[in-house]
């Protein structure tokens, strides 16, 4: 018995994969096989994007949590919970927007003034984020040309991270 003989036949006696359906997203008539392939590709793309985004977020969150595992003293202050919370919110939002494009930080450390310092280095570019109660800024450098953004917002951080990825 051939494998195809077990397939259900539709009104027009065609095989199910050749049956034509209306695709609401394109407004065209396509075969079930084409629709299935398109949906599978979309799901794979969403899964890959989400899983890399999730992995990035877990790594970044782990680096932030490691700031609690360091001993601090009166000369080198521990990051405030507020600073860590704000940085986590910024990075979560950036990671959600950038997904697989989100670069991994080179390091995440305390700045010694109650804040957090994060640095990225890619493509001969350098990006530094510093956030504390007293100050917050982004520092960008490319080919020894510095630029700073004081009191940055999430949009500026996302644009800076995209800039870092550009070759």
Protein backbone atom coordinates (compact mmCIF):
# COMPACT_ATOMS: atom_id res chain seq x y z
CA UNK A 1 0.00 0.00 0.00
CA UNK A 2 1.51 3.32 -1.06
CA UNK A 3 1.93 6.06 1.51
CA UNK A 4 -0.16 8.50 -0.55
CA UNK A 5 -3.16 6.17 -0.60
CA UNK A 6 -3.79 6.89 3.10
CA UNK A 7 -4.11 10.65 2.57
CA UNK A 8 -7.53 12.21 2.74
CA UNK A 9 -8.79 13.57 -0.56
CA UNK A 10 -10.72 16.83 -0.78
CA UNK A 11 -13.69 17.74 -2.99
CA UNK A 12 -11.53 18.48 -6.00
CA UNK A 13 -9.76 15.11 -5.55
CA UNK A 14 -6.45 16.84 -4.94
CA UNK A 15 -4.06 15.97 -2.17
CA UNK A 16 -4.42 18.12 0.98
CA UNK A 17 -1.12 19.92 0.43
CA UNK A 18 -2.36 21.11 -2.98
CA UNK A 19 -5.71 22.35 -1.65
CA UNK A 20 -5.98 26.12 -2.07
CA UNK A 21 -6.95 28.37 0.81
CA UNK A 22 -7.30 32.10 1.32
CA UNK A 23 -4.32 33.68 3.12
CA UNK A 24 -5.65 36.62 5.13
CA UNK A 25 -2.21 38.18 5.61
CA UNK A 26 -1.50 38.50 1.87
CA UNK A 27 -5.06 38.42 0.48
CA UNK A 28 -4.08 35.68 -1.97
CA UNK A 29 -5.07 32.11 -2.63
CA UNK A 30 -2.22 29.72 -1.76
CA UNK A 31 -1.82 25.99 -1.25
CA UNK A 32 -1.97 24.46 2.21
CA UNK A 33 1.64 23.38 1.74
CA UNK A 34 2.74 26.98 1.05
CA UNK A 35 0.76 28.20 4.05
CA UNK A 36 2.30 25.55 6.30
CA UNK A 37 5.82 26.39 5.12
CA UNK A 38 5.25 30.12 5.67
CA UNK A 39 3.83 29.57 9.17
CA UNK A 40 6.67 27.20 10.08
CA UNK A 41 9.27 29.74 8.91
CA UNK A 42 7.55 32.49 10.92
CA UNK A 43 7.47 30.30 14.05
CA UNK A 44 11.13 29.34 13.67
CA UNK A 45 12.10 32.99 13.24
CA UNK A 46 10.07 34.00 16.32
CA UNK A 47 11.54 31.14 18.35
CA UNK A 48 15.12 31.96 17.35
CA UNK A 49 14.60 35.63 18.10
CA UNK A 50 12.91 34.97 21.43
CA UNK A 51 15.34 32.31 22.57
CA UNK A 52 18.43 34.41 21.81
CA UNK A 53 16.76 37.38 23.47
CA UNK A 54 15.93 35.25 26.52
CA UNK A 55 19.50 33.90 26.70
CA UNK A 56 20.93 37.42 26.42
CA UNK A 57 18.64 38.66 29.18
CA UNK A 58 19.58 35.79 31.51
CA UNK A 59 23.29 36.46 31.02
CA UNK A 60 22.88 40.20 31.56
CA UNK A 61 20.71 39.63 34.64
CA UNK A 62 23.30 37.21 36.03
CA UNK A 63 26.02 39.84 35.60
CA UNK A 64 23.88 42.39 37.45
CA UNK A 65 23.17 39.91 40.25
CA UNK A 66 26.91 39.27 40.61
CA UNK A 67 27.25 42.87 41.85
CA UNK A 68 25.70 41.65 45.12
CA UNK A 69 28.48 39.06 45.56
CA UNK A 70 31.27 41.61 45.99
CA UNK A 71 32.47 43.07 49.27
CA UNK A 72 32.34 46.85 49.40
CA UNK A 73 33.65 49.39 51.93
CA UNK A 74 33.19 53.08 52.71
CA UNK A 75 35.75 54.05 50.02
CA UNK A 76 34.16 51.99 47.26
CA UNK A 77 30.39 52.04 47.65
CA UNK A 78 28.02 49.22 46.82
CA UNK A 79 25.58 49.96 43.98
CA UNK A 80 22.23 51.12 45.32
CA UNK A 81 19.24 48.90 44.72
CA UNK A 82 17.68 51.84 42.88
CA UNK A 83 20.63 52.05 40.44
CA UNK A 84 20.59 48.30 39.80
CA UNK A 85 16.80 48.36 39.32
CA UNK A 86 16.98 51.26 36.83
CA UNK A 87 19.84 49.66 34.87
CA UNK A 88 17.93 46.36 34.79
CA UNK A 89 14.86 48.17 33.44
CA UNK A 90 16.93 49.91 30.76
CA UNK A 91 18.65 46.69 29.71
CA UNK A 92 15.45 44.66 29.73
CA UNK A 93 13.76 47.21 27.47
CA UNK A 94 16.80 47.39 25.17
CA UNK A 95 17.02 43.59 24.99
CA UNK A 96 13.30 43.35 24.22
CA UNK A 97 13.69 45.84 21.37
CA UNK A 98 16.96 44.54 19.97
CA UNK A 99 16.46 40.77 20.54
CA UNK A 100 19.30 38.89 18.82
CA UNK A 101 21.03 42.21 17.99
CA UNK A 102 21.59 42.96 21.69
CA UNK A 103 25.37 42.91 22.23
CA UNK A 104 26.74 41.25 25.34
CA UNK A 105 28.46 43.67 27.72
CA UNK A 106 32.23 43.35 28.05
CA UNK A 107 31.77 43.87 31.78
CA UNK A 108 29.27 44.94 34.41
CA UNK A 109 30.77 46.44 37.57
CA UNK A 110 30.04 48.80 40.43
CA UNK A 111 31.25 52.34 39.80
CA UNK A 112 32.27 52.83 43.45
CA UNK A 113 29.87 55.76 43.87
CA UNK A 114 26.69 53.76 44.48
CA UNK A 115 26.04 53.09 40.80
CA UNK A 116 26.62 50.62 37.98
CA UNK A 117 29.03 50.79 35.07
CA UNK A 118 28.55 48.67 31.96
CA UNK A 119 30.86 48.62 28.96
CA UNK A 120 30.63 47.18 25.49
CA UNK A 121 33.43 47.01 22.91
CA UNK A 122 32.74 46.02 19.31
CA UNK A 123 33.87 46.99 15.82
CA UNK A 124 36.51 49.43 17.14
CA UNK A 125 33.77 51.17 19.12
CA UNK A 126 33.36 51.63 22.83
CA UNK A 127 30.10 52.26 24.70
CA UNK A 128 29.91 52.90 28.43
CA UNK A 129 26.74 53.24 30.47
CA UNK A 130 27.05 54.70 33.98
CA UNK A 131 24.03 54.96 36.20
CA UNK A 132 23.87 56.14 39.81
CA UNK A 133 21.68 58.39 41.89
CA UNK A 134 24.09 61.30 41.34
CA UNK A 135 24.63 60.94 37.60
CA UNK A 136 23.85 58.87 34.54
CA UNK A 137 25.39 59.05 31.13
CA UNK A 138 26.37 57.18 28.00
CA UNK A 139 29.92 57.52 26.68
CA UNK A 140 30.54 56.56 23.05
CA UNK A 141 33.90 56.44 21.35
CA UNK A 142 34.95 55.51 17.82
CA UNK A 143 38.44 56.07 16.39
CA UNK A 144 39.38 58.03 19.52
CA UNK A 145 36.50 60.48 19.00
CA UNK A 146 34.43 60.67 22.22
CA UNK A 147 30.82 61.69 22.62
CA UNK A 148 28.71 61.82 25.76
CA UNK A 149 24.99 61.80 26.49
CA UNK A 150 24.03 62.90 29.98
CA UNK A 151 20.73 61.84 31.56
CA UNK A 152 20.08 59.40 28.72
CA UNK A 153 16.75 57.74 28.02
CA UNK A 154 15.91 54.26 26.73
CA UNK A 155 15.64 55.42 23.12
CA UNK A 156 19.18 56.85 23.27
CA UNK A 157 20.49 53.62 24.80
CA UNK A 158 18.87 51.50 22.07
CA UNK A 159 20.25 53.80 19.34
CA UNK A 160 23.71 53.60 20.94
CA UNK A 161 23.58 49.79 21.07
CA UNK A 162 22.52 49.69 17.41
CA UNK A 163 25.40 52.07 16.59
CA UNK A 164 27.77 49.69 18.36
CA UNK A 165 26.64 46.83 16.11
CA UNK A 166 27.17 48.75 12.87
CA UNK A 167 30.36 47.99 11.01
